[in-house]
Amino acid sequence: MRPQFCNTFNVTRNKNGTEVSLNFSHVYTDHNFTFKDGNMTDVSAQLVEPIASVLVSREGAVALAKLLNRVMDDMGVDLDGLD
């Protein structure tokens, strides 16, 4: 199986805040080159390829946030100093 990588993600929650959805995608530009009368034309379009979608409970989202905060602390990143 070929590994798939994402370069963007989206976080959404339901109205009452009991579930959080994490959606991972790979966004890239596709190029379509055509040649006519000795000229080359590039028609490009931005494409989004869904990679994964994860639905977690509120408790799971809290645990994930704590884990990510701990990882950032271990890496020496001060999240309070970032905009």
C-alpha atoms as a PDB file:
ATOM      1  CA  MET A   1       0.000   0.000   0.000  1.00  0.00           C
ATOM      2  CA  ARG A   2       1.365   3.385  -1.032  1.00  0.00           C
ATOM      3  CA  PRO A   3       1.685   5.830   1.889  1.00  0.00           C
ATOM      4  CA  GLN A   4      -0.484   8.911   1.631  1.00  0.00           C
ATOM      5  CA  PHE A   5       0.492  12.223   3.139  1.00  0.00           C
ATOM      6  CA  CYS A   6      -1.610  15.227   4.027  1.00  0.00           C
ATOM      7  CA  ASN A   7      -0.571  18.848   3.929  1.00  0.00           C
ATOM      8  CA  THR A   8      -3.762  20.324   5.351  1.00  0.00           C
ATOM      9  CA  PHE A   9      -6.392  19.436   7.905  1.00  0.00           C
ATOM     10  CA  ASN A  10      -9.712  20.752   9.109  1.00  0.00           C
ATOM     11  CA  VAL A  11     -11.299  20.520  12.565  1.00  0.00           C
ATOM     12  CA  THR A  12     -15.065  20.786  12.992  1.00  0.00           C
ATOM     13  CA  ARG A  13     -17.431  20.069  15.848  1.00  0.00           C
ATOM     14  CA  ASN A  14     -21.108  19.320  16.046  1.00  0.00           C
ATOM     15  CA  LYS A  15     -23.574  21.882  17.384  1.00  0.00           C
ATOM     16  CA  ASN A  16     -23.732  20.619  20.961  1.00  0.00           C
ATOM     17  CA  GLY A  17     -19.960  20.036  21.191  1.00  0.00           C
ATOM     18  CA  THR A  18     -20.036  16.299  21.903  1.00  0.00           C
ATOM     19  CA  GLU A  19     -18.040  15.203  18.824  1.00  0.00           C
ATOM     20  CA  VAL A  20     -15.095  16.591  16.879  1.00  0.00           C
ATOM     21  CA  SER A  21     -14.239  15.637  13.313  1.00  0.00           C
ATOM     22  CA  LEU A  22     -10.641  15.773  12.028  1.00  0.00           C
ATOM     23  CA  ASN A  23     -10.374  15.735   8.228  1.00  0.00           C
ATOM     24  CA  PHE A  24      -6.986  15.296   6.567  1.00  0.00           C
ATOM     25  CA  SER A  25      -6.401  16.148   2.892  1.00  0.00           C
ATOM     26  CA  HIS A  26      -3.655  16.596   0.345  1.00  0.00           C
ATOM     27  CA  VAL A  27      -4.019  19.857  -1.592  1.00  0.00           C
ATOM     28  CA  TYR A  28      -1.977  20.242  -4.762  1.00  0.00           C
ATOM     29  CA  THR A  29      -1.986  21.936  -8.140  1.00  0.00           C
ATOM     30  CA  ASP A  30      -2.587  19.750 -11.180  1.00  0.00           C
ATOM     31  CA  HIS A  31      -1.073  20.947 -14.458  1.00  0.00           C
ATOM     32  CA  ASN A  32      -2.499  20.114 -17.863  1.00  0.00           C
ATOM     33  CA  PHE A  33      -0.142  21.140 -20.654  1.00  0.00           C
ATOM     34  CA  THR A  34      -1.397  21.475 -24.220  1.00  0.00           C
ATOM     35  CA  PHE A  35       0.572  22.263 -27.354  1.00  0.00           C
ATOM     36  CA  LYS A  36      -0.993  24.038 -30.313  1.00  0.00           C
ATOM     37  CA  ASP A  37       0.670  25.890 -33.171  1.00  0.00           C
ATOM     38  CA  GLY A  38       4.042  25.761 -31.436  1.00  0.00           C
ATOM     39  CA  ASN A  39       2.688  27.300 -28.220  1.00  0.00           C
ATOM     40  CA  MET A  40       2.441  25.587 -24.880  1.00  0.00           C
ATOM     41  CA  THR A  41      -0.466  26.381 -22.581  1.00  0.00           C
ATOM     42  CA  ASP A  42      -0.676  25.344 -18.936  1.00  0.00           C
ATOM     43  CA  VAL A  43      -4.169  25.018 -17.541  1.00  0.00           C
ATOM     44  CA  SER A  44      -3.752  24.432 -13.816  1.00  0.00           C
ATOM     45  CA  ALA A  45      -6.295  23.680 -11.139  1.00  0.00           C
ATOM     46  CA  GLN A  46      -6.065  23.224  -7.397  1.00  0.00           C
ATOM     47  CA  LEU A  47      -7.190  19.749  -6.349  1.00  0.00           C
ATOM     48  CA  VAL A  48      -8.056  18.337  -2.940  1.00  0.00           C
ATOM     49  CA  GLU A  49      -7.556  14.635  -2.318  1.00  0.00           C
ATOM     50  CA  PRO A  50      -9.190  13.413   0.915  1.00  0.00           C
ATOM     51  CA  ILE A  51      -6.839  11.209   2.941  1.00  0.00           C
ATOM     52  CA  ALA A  52      -8.675  10.411   6.178  1.00  0.00           C
ATOM     53  CA  SER A  53     -11.508  11.508   8.414  1.00  0.00           C
ATOM     54  CA  VAL A  54     -11.558  10.799  12.144  1.00  0.00           C
ATOM     55  CA  LEU A  55     -14.528  11.320  14.447  1.00  0.00           C
ATOM     56  CA  VAL A  56     -13.702  11.569  18.156  1.00  0.00           C
ATOM     57  CA  SER A  57     -15.767  12.235  21.237  1.00  0.00           C
ATOM     58  CA  ARG A  58     -15.336  15.395  23.280  1.00  0.00           C
ATOM     59  CA  GLU A  59     -13.199  13.434  25.749  1.00  0.00           C
ATOM     60  CA  GLY A  60     -11.051  12.082  22.914  1.00  0.00           C
ATOM     61  CA  ALA A  61     -10.516  15.605  21.569  1.00  0.00           C
ATOM     62  CA  VAL A  62      -9.459  16.816  25.029  1.00  0.00           C
ATOM     63  CA  ALA A  63      -7.010  13.896  25.361  1.00  0.00           C
ATOM     64  CA  LEU A  64      -5.593  14.632  21.891  1.00  0.00           C
ATOM     65  CA  ALA A  65      -5.151  18.329  22.741  1.00  0.00           C
ATOM     66  CA  LYS A  66      -3.311  17.430  25.976  1.00  0.00           C
ATOM     67  CA  LEU A  67      -1.082  14.988  24.090  1.00  0.00           C
ATOM     68  CA  LEU A  68      -0.231  17.568  21.430  1.00  0.00           C
ATOM     69  CA  ASN A  69       0.539  20.170  24.104  1.00  0.00           C
ATOM     70  CA  ARG A  70       2.891  17.698  25.817  1.00  0.00           C
ATOM     71  CA  VAL A  71       4.638  16.920  22.516  1.00  0.00           C
ATOM     72  CA  MET A  72       5.115  20.633  21.811  1.00  0.00           C
ATOM     73  CA  ASP A  73       6.510  21.147  25.316  1.00  0.00           C
ATOM     74  CA  ASP A  74       8.963  18.282  24.745  1.00  0.00           C
ATOM     75  CA  MET A  75      10.032  19.939  21.472  1.00  0.00           C
ATOM     76  CA  GLY A  76      10.652  23.224  23.294  1.00  0.00           C
ATOM     77  CA  VAL A  77       7.837  25.099  21.522  1.00  0.00           C
ATOM     78  CA  ASP A  78       6.143  27.809  23.575  1.00  0.00           C
ATOM     79  CA  LEU A  79       2.548  27.807  22.324  1.00  0.00           C
ATOM     80  CA  ASP A  80       1.659  30.886  24.392  1.00  0.00           C
ATOM     81  CA  GLY A  81       4.214  32.929  22.467  1.00  0.00           C
ATOM     82  CA  LEU A  82       2.766  32.064  19.050  1.00  0.00           C
ATOM     83  CA  ASP A  83       0.157  34.141  17.253  1.00  0.00           C
END
